[in-house]
Amino acid sequence: MKDKAKAPRPAERKAFSNAFEAWRRDNVGRAIFAASRVVEADILEVLAAEGFSEIRLVHLHLYRNLDLDGTRLTELARRANMAKQGMQEIVDRAEVQGFVERKSDPGDRRAKVVVFSARGQQLLETLHKAVLQMERRMAACVGAATVKHITRALLQYAALRRGE
């Protein structure tokens, strides 16, 4: 005679379901994603209040990765972990809006680099202000030491994963 496995009782199913949902809800990846959304919303809110209401979340991929002395499009796409065509669209839009310009690469005149325009430098200064305001809000919530610790830890983890 075979032993039949007992079907879990409703209370056991509920306990399993609750535990299963808890790890899905309360894990570091989801926490980082949720916090990132808040951070980005805070930054966009400041930009809009400072006169840069045309900036959208996707545009931040460009401004976060563009070096002050210019960066090639392929490098921008690599840093943002996106397709070259997607970054091309963002750069095209930013150029129309007057935030960036394309110039000859000093190291290779055949190539182009994307650089901040004068208006783009104003945007960059406002982005800096927005990040500082966001960090102050976060510090008011969790403490300045915690913000510094979180920042260092996440940068360390990201560098490890990139093999730096």
N, C-alpha and C. Protein backbone atom coordinates (compact mmCIF):
# COMPACT_ATOMS: atom_id res chain seq x y z
N MET A 1 0.83 -1.18 0.00
CA MET A 1 0.00 0.00 0.00
C MET A 1 0.87 1.24 0.00
N LYS A 2 0.57 2.15 -0.90
CA LYS A 2 1.35 3.38 -1.04
C LYS A 2 0.89 4.41 -0.03
N ASP A 3 1.89 5.13 0.47
CA ASP A 3 1.55 6.27 1.33
C ASP A 3 1.18 7.45 0.47
N LYS A 4 0.07 7.97 0.74
CA LYS A 4 -0.36 9.15 0.01
C LYS A 4 0.14 10.38 0.74
N ALA A 5 0.73 11.28 0.01
CA ALA A 5 1.15 12.55 0.62
C ALA A 5 -0.09 13.33 0.99
N LYS A 6 -0.04 13.88 2.16
CA LYS A 6 -1.19 14.67 2.61
C LYS A 6 -1.17 16.02 1.92
N ALA A 7 -2.31 16.43 1.49
CA ALA A 7 -2.44 17.78 0.92
C ALA A 7 -2.28 18.80 2.03
N PRO A 8 -1.59 19.87 1.75
CA PRO A 8 -1.43 20.89 2.79
C PRO A 8 -2.78 21.44 3.23
N ARG A 9 -2.87 21.66 4.52
CA ARG A 9 -4.08 22.25 5.05
C ARG A 9 -4.15 23.72 4.66
N PRO A 10 -5.35 24.29 4.69
CA PRO A 10 -5.50 25.70 4.32
C PRO A 10 -4.58 26.63 5.12
N ALA A 11 -4.39 26.37 6.40
CA ALA A 11 -3.52 27.23 7.21
C ALA A 11 -2.07 27.14 6.73
N GLU A 12 -1.63 25.91 6.34
CA GLU A 12 -0.27 25.74 5.83
C GLU A 12 -0.10 26.43 4.48
N ARG A 13 -1.12 26.31 3.63
CA ARG A 13 -1.07 27.00 2.33
C ARG A 13 -0.98 28.51 2.52
N LYS A 14 -1.76 29.03 3.44
CA LYS A 14 -1.76 30.47 3.70
C LYS A 14 -0.41 30.92 4.24
N ALA A 15 0.19 30.16 5.15
CA ALA A 15 1.50 30.51 5.70
C ALA A 15 2.55 30.52 4.59
N PHE A 16 2.51 29.48 3.73
CA PHE A 16 3.44 29.44 2.61
C PHE A 16 3.23 30.62 1.69
N SER A 17 1.98 30.90 1.36
CA SER A 17 1.65 32.01 0.46
C SER A 17 2.13 33.33 1.04
N ASN A 18 1.92 33.55 2.33
CA ASN A 18 2.37 34.79 2.98
C ASN A 18 3.89 34.93 2.93
N ALA A 19 4.59 33.82 3.23
CA ALA A 19 6.06 33.85 3.20
C ALA A 19 6.55 34.09 1.78
N PHE A 20 5.90 33.45 0.81
CA PHE A 20 6.28 33.61 -0.59
C PHE A 20 6.10 35.06 -1.02
N GLU A 21 4.97 35.64 -0.68
CA GLU A 21 4.70 37.04 -1.05
C GLU A 21 5.64 37.99 -0.31
N ALA A 22 5.99 37.67 0.93
CA ALA A 22 6.87 38.54 1.71
C ALA A 22 8.24 38.68 1.06
N TRP A 23 8.85 37.58 0.63
CA TRP A 23 10.17 37.69 0.01
C TRP A 23 10.10 38.42 -1.32
N ARG A 24 8.98 38.30 -2.01
CA ARG A 24 8.82 39.02 -3.28
C ARG A 24 8.69 40.51 -3.04
N ARG A 25 8.07 40.88 -1.96
CA ARG A 25 7.81 42.28 -1.63
C ARG A 25 9.00 42.92 -0.92
N ASP A 26 9.65 42.16 -0.04
CA ASP A 26 10.67 42.70 0.85
C ASP A 26 12.05 42.15 0.53
N ASN A 27 12.56 42.47 -0.64
CA ASN A 27 13.91 42.05 -0.98
C ASN A 27 14.71 43.26 -1.45
N VAL A 28 16.01 43.14 -1.44
CA VAL A 28 16.87 44.30 -1.73
C VAL A 28 16.66 44.83 -3.16
N GLY A 29 16.45 43.96 -4.11
CA GLY A 29 16.23 44.41 -5.49
C GLY A 29 14.99 45.28 -5.60
N ARG A 30 13.92 44.82 -5.01
CA ARG A 30 12.68 45.59 -5.06
C ARG A 30 12.82 46.90 -4.29
N ALA A 31 13.53 46.87 -3.16
CA ALA A 31 13.74 48.09 -2.37
C ALA A 31 14.56 49.11 -3.16
N ILE A 32 15.60 48.64 -3.85
CA ILE A 32 16.42 49.55 -4.67
C ILE A 32 15.58 50.13 -5.79
N PHE A 33 14.79 49.30 -6.44
CA PHE A 33 13.93 49.76 -7.53
C PHE A 33 12.95 50.82 -7.03
N ALA A 34 12.29 50.55 -5.92
CA ALA A 34 11.30 51.49 -5.38
C ALA A 34 11.97 52.80 -4.98
N ALA A 35 13.12 52.70 -4.31
CA ALA A 35 13.84 53.91 -3.91
C ALA A 35 14.32 54.69 -5.13
N SER A 36 14.75 53.98 -6.14
CA SER A 36 15.21 54.63 -7.37
C SER A 36 14.09 55.44 -8.02
N ARG A 37 12.90 54.88 -8.01
CA ARG A 37 11.74 55.61 -8.58
C ARG A 37 11.47 56.90 -7.81
N VAL A 38 11.59 56.84 -6.48
CA VAL A 38 11.38 58.03 -5.65
C VAL A 38 12.48 59.06 -5.92
N VAL A 39 13.72 58.59 -5.98
CA VAL A 39 14.86 59.47 -6.25
C VAL A 39 14.67 60.18 -7.58
N GLU A 40 14.33 59.42 -8.61
CA GLU A 40 14.17 60.01 -9.94
C GLU A 40 13.00 60.98 -9.99
N ALA A 41 11.91 60.66 -9.31
CA ALA A 41 10.76 61.59 -9.26
C ALA A 41 11.15 62.88 -8.56
N ASP A 42 11.91 62.76 -7.46
CA ASP A 42 12.39 63.95 -6.75
C ASP A 42 13.24 64.83 -7.67
N ILE A 43 14.14 64.20 -8.41
CA ILE A 43 15.04 64.95 -9.30
C ILE A 43 14.24 65.63 -10.41
N LEU A 44 13.33 64.90 -11.02
CA LEU A 44 12.52 65.50 -12.10
C LEU A 44 11.64 66.63 -11.58
N GLU A 45 11.17 66.52 -10.36
CA GLU A 45 10.35 67.57 -9.76
C GLU A 45 11.16 68.87 -9.60
N VAL A 46 12.39 68.74 -9.13
CA VAL A 46 13.25 69.93 -8.98
C VAL A 46 13.57 70.51 -10.35
N LEU A 47 13.89 69.66 -11.31
CA LEU A 47 14.20 70.15 -12.67
C LEU A 47 13.02 70.94 -13.24
N ALA A 48 11.83 70.41 -13.09
CA ALA A 48 10.64 71.09 -13.60
C ALA A 48 10.46 72.44 -12.90
N ALA A 49 10.64 72.47 -11.60
CA ALA A 49 10.48 73.72 -10.84
C ALA A 49 11.52 74.76 -11.24
N GLU A 50 12.68 74.30 -11.72
CA GLU A 50 13.76 75.19 -12.11
C GLU A 50 13.73 75.54 -13.60
N GLY A 51 12.65 75.16 -14.29
CA GLY A 51 12.50 75.54 -15.69
C GLY A 51 12.92 74.50 -16.71
N PHE A 52 13.16 73.27 -16.27
CA PHE A 52 13.55 72.21 -17.19
C PHE A 52 12.47 71.13 -17.24
N SER A 53 11.25 71.55 -17.47
CA SER A 53 10.11 70.62 -17.44
C SER A 53 10.11 69.65 -18.63
N GLU A 54 10.90 69.92 -19.64
CA GLU A 54 10.94 69.02 -20.80
C GLU A 54 11.78 67.78 -20.55
N ILE A 55 12.54 67.75 -19.48
CA ILE A 55 13.38 66.60 -19.17
C ILE A 55 12.51 65.45 -18.65
N ARG A 56 12.72 64.28 -19.24
CA ARG A 56 12.01 63.08 -18.84
C ARG A 56 13.01 62.08 -18.26
N LEU A 57 12.49 61.09 -17.61
CA LEU A 57 13.32 60.09 -16.96
C LEU A 57 14.35 59.49 -17.92
N VAL A 58 13.95 59.15 -19.11
CA VAL A 58 14.84 58.51 -20.06
C VAL A 58 16.02 59.42 -20.42
N HIS A 59 15.83 60.74 -20.36
CA HIS A 59 16.91 61.67 -20.69
C HIS A 59 18.05 61.62 -19.68
N LEU A 60 17.73 61.21 -18.46
CA LEU A 60 18.76 61.16 -17.42
C LEU A 60 19.86 60.16 -17.77
N HIS A 61 19.56 59.16 -18.60
CA HIS A 61 20.59 58.21 -19.05
C HIS A 61 21.72 58.95 -19.76
N LEU A 62 21.39 59.97 -20.50
CA LEU A 62 22.41 60.75 -21.20
C LEU A 62 23.17 61.62 -20.22
N TYR A 63 22.46 62.41 -19.44
CA TYR A 63 23.11 63.40 -18.58
C TYR A 63 23.93 62.77 -17.47
N ARG A 64 23.58 61.57 -17.04
CA ARG A 64 24.35 60.87 -16.01
C ARG A 64 25.65 60.29 -16.56
N ASN A 65 25.71 60.10 -17.85
CA ASN A 65 26.85 59.39 -18.45
C ASN A 65 27.73 60.25 -19.34
N LEU A 66 27.37 61.48 -19.55
CA LEU A 66 28.10 62.37 -20.45
C LEU A 66 29.25 63.05 -19.70
N ASP A 67 30.48 62.82 -20.15
CA ASP A 67 31.64 63.47 -19.55
C ASP A 67 31.65 64.95 -19.89
N LEU A 68 32.26 65.74 -19.02
CA LEU A 68 32.31 67.19 -19.24
C LEU A 68 33.05 67.56 -20.52
N ASP A 69 34.05 66.77 -20.89
CA ASP A 69 34.79 67.06 -22.12
C ASP A 69 34.24 66.32 -23.33
N GLY A 70 33.11 65.65 -23.17
CA GLY A 70 32.45 64.98 -24.28
C GLY A 70 32.63 63.48 -24.26
N THR A 71 31.69 62.79 -24.87
CA THR A 71 31.70 61.33 -24.89
C THR A 71 31.12 60.86 -26.22
N ARG A 72 31.71 59.82 -26.77
CA ARG A 72 31.17 59.24 -28.01
C ARG A 72 29.84 58.55 -27.73
N LEU A 73 29.00 58.53 -28.74
CA LEU A 73 27.67 57.94 -28.63
C LEU A 73 27.73 56.47 -28.21
N THR A 74 28.64 55.71 -28.79
CA THR A 74 28.72 54.29 -28.44
C THR A 74 29.08 54.10 -26.98
N GLU A 75 29.92 54.97 -26.44
CA GLU A 75 30.30 54.88 -25.03
C GLU A 75 29.13 55.28 -24.13
N LEU A 76 28.38 56.29 -24.55
CA LEU A 76 27.19 56.68 -23.79
C LEU A 76 26.20 55.52 -23.70
N ALA A 77 25.99 54.86 -24.82
CA ALA A 77 25.06 53.72 -24.85
C ALA A 77 25.57 52.60 -23.96
N ARG A 78 26.87 52.32 -24.02
CA ARG A 78 27.44 51.26 -23.19
C ARG A 78 27.26 51.58 -21.71
N ARG A 79 27.58 52.81 -21.32
CA ARG A 79 27.47 53.21 -19.91
C ARG A 79 26.03 53.14 -19.41
N ALA A 80 25.10 53.49 -20.28
CA ALA A 80 23.68 53.47 -19.90
C ALA A 80 23.06 52.09 -20.06
N ASN A 81 23.85 51.14 -20.58
CA ASN A 81 23.38 49.78 -20.79
C ASN A 81 22.15 49.76 -21.69
N MET A 82 22.28 50.46 -22.81
CA MET A 82 21.17 50.50 -23.75
C MET A 82 21.71 50.42 -25.18
N ALA A 83 20.83 50.19 -26.11
CA ALA A 83 21.21 50.09 -27.52
C ALA A 83 21.67 51.44 -28.03
N LYS A 84 22.60 51.40 -28.97
CA LYS A 84 23.11 52.63 -29.57
C LYS A 84 21.98 53.45 -30.20
N GLN A 85 21.02 52.77 -30.82
CA GLN A 85 19.91 53.46 -31.47
C GLN A 85 19.06 54.22 -30.44
N GLY A 86 18.85 53.61 -29.29
CA GLY A 86 18.09 54.27 -28.23
C GLY A 86 18.80 55.51 -27.72
N MET A 87 20.11 55.40 -27.52
CA MET A 87 20.88 56.56 -27.07
C MET A 87 20.90 57.62 -28.16
N GLN A 88 20.97 57.19 -29.42
CA GLN A 88 20.95 58.14 -30.54
C GLN A 88 19.68 59.00 -30.49
N GLU A 89 18.54 58.36 -30.21
CA GLU A 89 17.27 59.10 -30.11
C GLU A 89 17.30 60.11 -28.97
N ILE A 90 17.86 59.71 -27.84
CA ILE A 90 17.95 60.62 -26.69
C ILE A 90 18.87 61.80 -27.02
N VAL A 91 20.00 61.52 -27.64
CA VAL A 91 20.94 62.58 -28.00
C VAL A 91 20.31 63.52 -29.03
N ASP A 92 19.63 62.95 -30.02
CA ASP A 92 18.95 63.79 -31.03
C ASP A 92 17.97 64.75 -30.35
N ARG A 93 17.18 64.22 -29.43
CA ARG A 93 16.19 65.04 -28.72
C ARG A 93 16.87 66.12 -27.88
N ALA A 94 17.93 65.73 -27.17
CA ALA A 94 18.67 66.69 -26.34
C ALA A 94 19.32 67.77 -27.18
N GLU A 95 19.73 67.42 -28.37
CA GLU A 95 20.34 68.40 -29.27
C GLU A 95 19.29 69.40 -29.75
N VAL A 96 18.11 68.91 -30.12
CA VAL A 96 17.01 69.79 -30.54
C VAL A 96 16.62 70.72 -29.39
N GLN A 97 16.64 70.21 -28.16
CA GLN A 97 16.28 71.01 -27.00
C GLN A 97 17.39 71.97 -26.58
N GLY A 98 18.57 71.83 -27.19
CA GLY A 98 19.67 72.75 -26.90
C GLY A 98 20.54 72.37 -25.72
N PHE A 99 20.48 71.12 -25.26
CA PHE A 99 21.27 70.72 -24.10
C PHE A 99 22.63 70.14 -24.47
N VAL A 100 22.75 69.61 -25.68
CA VAL A 100 24.03 69.03 -26.12
C VAL A 100 24.32 69.48 -27.54
N GLU A 101 25.59 69.30 -27.90
CA GLU A 101 26.05 69.54 -29.27
C GLU A 101 26.94 68.37 -29.66
N ARG A 102 27.11 68.19 -30.96
CA ARG A 102 28.05 67.19 -31.46
C ARG A 102 29.26 67.95 -32.01
N LYS A 103 30.43 67.48 -31.62
CA LYS A 103 31.68 68.11 -32.08
C LYS A 103 32.64 67.02 -32.53
N SER A 104 33.62 67.42 -33.30
CA SER A 104 34.66 66.47 -33.70
C SER A 104 35.44 66.02 -32.49
N ASP A 105 35.73 64.73 -32.46
CA ASP A 105 36.52 64.16 -31.38
C ASP A 105 37.96 64.64 -31.56
N PRO A 106 38.54 65.28 -30.55
CA PRO A 106 39.91 65.77 -30.70
C PRO A 106 40.92 64.67 -30.99
N GLY A 107 40.65 63.44 -30.53
CA GLY A 107 41.55 62.32 -30.76
C GLY A 107 41.37 61.66 -32.12
N ASP A 108 40.25 61.91 -32.78
CA ASP A 108 39.95 61.30 -34.08
C ASP A 108 38.94 62.20 -34.78
N ARG A 109 39.40 63.04 -35.66
CA ARG A 109 38.55 64.04 -36.32
C ARG A 109 37.40 63.41 -37.12
N ARG A 110 37.51 62.13 -37.45
CA ARG A 110 36.42 61.48 -38.19
C ARG A 110 35.24 61.16 -37.27
N ALA A 111 35.52 61.04 -35.99
CA ALA A 111 34.49 60.68 -35.01
C ALA A 111 33.90 61.93 -34.37
N LYS A 112 32.71 61.76 -33.80
CA LYS A 112 32.03 62.85 -33.10
C LYS A 112 31.89 62.50 -31.63
N VAL A 113 31.90 63.54 -30.81
CA VAL A 113 31.59 63.38 -29.40
C VAL A 113 30.40 64.27 -29.08
N VAL A 114 29.66 63.87 -28.10
CA VAL A 114 28.53 64.64 -27.61
C VAL A 114 29.05 65.44 -26.43
N VAL A 115 28.77 66.75 -26.42
CA VAL A 115 29.21 67.62 -25.33
C VAL A 115 28.03 68.44 -24.83
N PHE A 116 28.11 68.87 -23.57
CA PHE A 116 27.10 69.77 -23.05
C PHE A 116 27.22 71.13 -23.74
N SER A 117 26.09 71.71 -24.11
CA SER A 117 26.05 73.09 -24.60
C SER A 117 26.02 74.01 -23.39
N ALA A 118 25.97 75.31 -23.61
CA ALA A 118 25.86 76.25 -22.49
C ALA A 118 24.57 75.97 -21.70
N ARG A 119 23.48 75.74 -22.41
CA ARG A 119 22.22 75.42 -21.73
C ARG A 119 22.32 74.07 -21.00
N GLY A 120 23.04 73.13 -21.59
CA GLY A 120 23.25 71.84 -20.96
C GLY A 120 24.06 71.96 -19.67
N GLN A 121 25.01 72.88 -19.64
CA GLN A 121 25.78 73.11 -18.42
C GLN A 121 24.89 73.69 -17.33
N GLN A 122 23.94 74.54 -17.71
CA GLN A 122 22.97 75.04 -16.73
C GLN A 122 22.12 73.89 -16.20
N LEU A 123 21.71 73.01 -17.10
CA LEU A 123 20.95 71.82 -16.69
C LEU A 123 21.78 70.97 -15.73
N LEU A 124 23.05 70.78 -16.03
CA LEU A 124 23.91 69.97 -15.18
C LEU A 124 24.02 70.58 -13.78
N GLU A 125 24.14 71.89 -13.70
CA GLU A 125 24.17 72.57 -12.39
C GLU A 125 22.85 72.35 -11.64
N THR A 126 21.76 72.41 -12.35
CA THR A 126 20.46 72.19 -11.73
C THR A 126 20.29 70.74 -11.31
N LEU A 127 20.81 69.82 -12.11
CA LEU A 127 20.80 68.40 -11.72
C LEU A 127 21.57 68.19 -10.42
N HIS A 128 22.70 68.86 -10.30
CA HIS A 128 23.49 68.77 -9.07
C HIS A 128 22.67 69.26 -7.88
N LYS A 129 22.03 70.39 -8.06
CA LYS A 129 21.17 70.94 -7.00
C LYS A 129 20.05 69.95 -6.65
N ALA A 130 19.45 69.34 -7.66
CA ALA A 130 18.36 68.38 -7.45
C ALA A 130 18.84 67.17 -6.67
N VAL A 131 20.02 66.67 -7.01
CA VAL A 131 20.57 65.50 -6.32
C VAL A 131 20.85 65.84 -4.86
N LEU A 132 21.42 67.02 -4.63
CA LEU A 132 21.69 67.43 -3.24
C LEU A 132 20.39 67.55 -2.44
N GLN A 133 19.36 68.11 -3.05
CA GLN A 133 18.07 68.23 -2.35
C GLN A 133 17.49 66.85 -2.05
N MET A 134 17.58 65.96 -3.01
CA MET A 134 17.07 64.60 -2.81
C MET A 134 17.84 63.91 -1.69
N GLU A 135 19.15 64.06 -1.67
CA GLU A 135 19.95 63.44 -0.62
C GLU A 135 19.62 64.01 0.76
N ARG A 136 19.33 65.31 0.82
CA ARG A 136 18.93 65.91 2.09
C ARG A 136 17.59 65.34 2.57
N ARG A 137 16.65 65.16 1.63
CA ARG A 137 15.35 64.57 1.99
C ARG A 137 15.53 63.14 2.49
N MET A 138 16.38 62.40 1.80
CA MET A 138 16.62 61.03 2.21
C MET A 138 17.30 61.00 3.59
N ALA A 139 18.27 61.88 3.80
CA ALA A 139 18.97 61.94 5.09
C ALA A 139 18.01 62.31 6.22
N ALA A 140 17.05 63.17 5.93
CA ALA A 140 16.06 63.53 6.95
C ALA A 140 15.21 62.32 7.32
N CYS A 141 15.07 61.39 6.40
CA CYS A 141 14.25 60.19 6.64
C CYS A 141 15.04 59.08 7.32
N VAL A 142 16.25 58.81 6.84
CA VAL A 142 17.01 57.65 7.35
C VAL A 142 18.32 58.02 8.02
N GLY A 143 18.71 59.29 7.98
CA GLY A 143 19.96 59.73 8.59
C GLY A 143 21.07 59.88 7.56
N ALA A 144 21.89 60.90 7.75
CA ALA A 144 22.98 61.19 6.80
C ALA A 144 23.99 60.05 6.74
N ALA A 145 24.32 59.46 7.88
CA ALA A 145 25.29 58.36 7.89
C ALA A 145 24.76 57.17 7.09
N THR A 146 23.48 56.91 7.20
CA THR A 146 22.88 55.80 6.45
C THR A 146 22.92 56.08 4.95
N VAL A 147 22.64 57.31 4.55
CA VAL A 147 22.71 57.67 3.12
C VAL A 147 24.12 57.44 2.60
N LYS A 148 25.13 57.88 3.34
CA LYS A 148 26.52 57.68 2.92
C LYS A 148 26.85 56.18 2.84
N HIS A 149 26.40 55.43 3.83
CA HIS A 149 26.67 53.99 3.85
C HIS A 149 25.98 53.29 2.66
N ILE A 150 24.73 53.61 2.43
CA ILE A 150 23.99 53.01 1.31
C ILE A 150 24.69 53.33 -0.01
N THR A 151 25.08 54.58 -0.18
CA THR A 151 25.73 55.01 -1.42
C THR A 151 27.03 54.24 -1.63
N ARG A 152 27.88 54.19 -0.61
CA ARG A 152 29.15 53.46 -0.74
C ARG A 152 28.92 51.99 -1.03
N ALA A 153 27.99 51.38 -0.31
CA ALA A 153 27.73 49.95 -0.49
C ALA A 153 27.22 49.64 -1.89
N LEU A 154 26.30 50.44 -2.39
CA LEU A 154 25.75 50.18 -3.73
C LEU A 154 26.80 50.42 -4.81
N LEU A 155 27.62 51.45 -4.66
CA LEU A 155 28.69 51.70 -5.64
C LEU A 155 29.71 50.56 -5.61
N GLN A 156 30.02 50.07 -4.43
CA GLN A 156 30.94 48.95 -4.29
C GLN A 156 30.39 47.70 -4.96
N TYR A 157 29.12 47.43 -4.74
CA TYR A 157 28.49 46.26 -5.35
C TYR A 157 28.46 46.39 -6.88
N ALA A 158 28.09 47.57 -7.35
CA ALA A 158 28.04 47.79 -8.80
C ALA A 158 29.42 47.63 -9.44
N ALA A 159 30.46 48.14 -8.78
CA ALA A 159 31.81 48.00 -9.30
C ALA A 159 32.25 46.54 -9.33
N LEU A 160 31.89 45.80 -8.30
CA LEU A 160 32.22 44.38 -8.23
C LEU A 160 31.58 43.63 -9.38
N ARG A 161 30.31 43.92 -9.63
CA ARG A 161 29.58 43.23 -10.69
C ARG A 161 30.10 43.60 -12.08
N ARG A 162 30.66 44.80 -12.21
CA ARG A 162 31.23 45.22 -13.50
C ARG A 162 32.66 44.74 -13.65
N GLY A 163 33.22 44.17 -12.58
CA GLY A 163 34.59 43.66 -12.64
C GLY A 163 35.65 44.72 -12.45
N GLU A 164 35.31 45.80 -11.78
CA GLU A 164 36.31 46.86 -11.57
C GLU A 164 37.19 46.55 -10.39
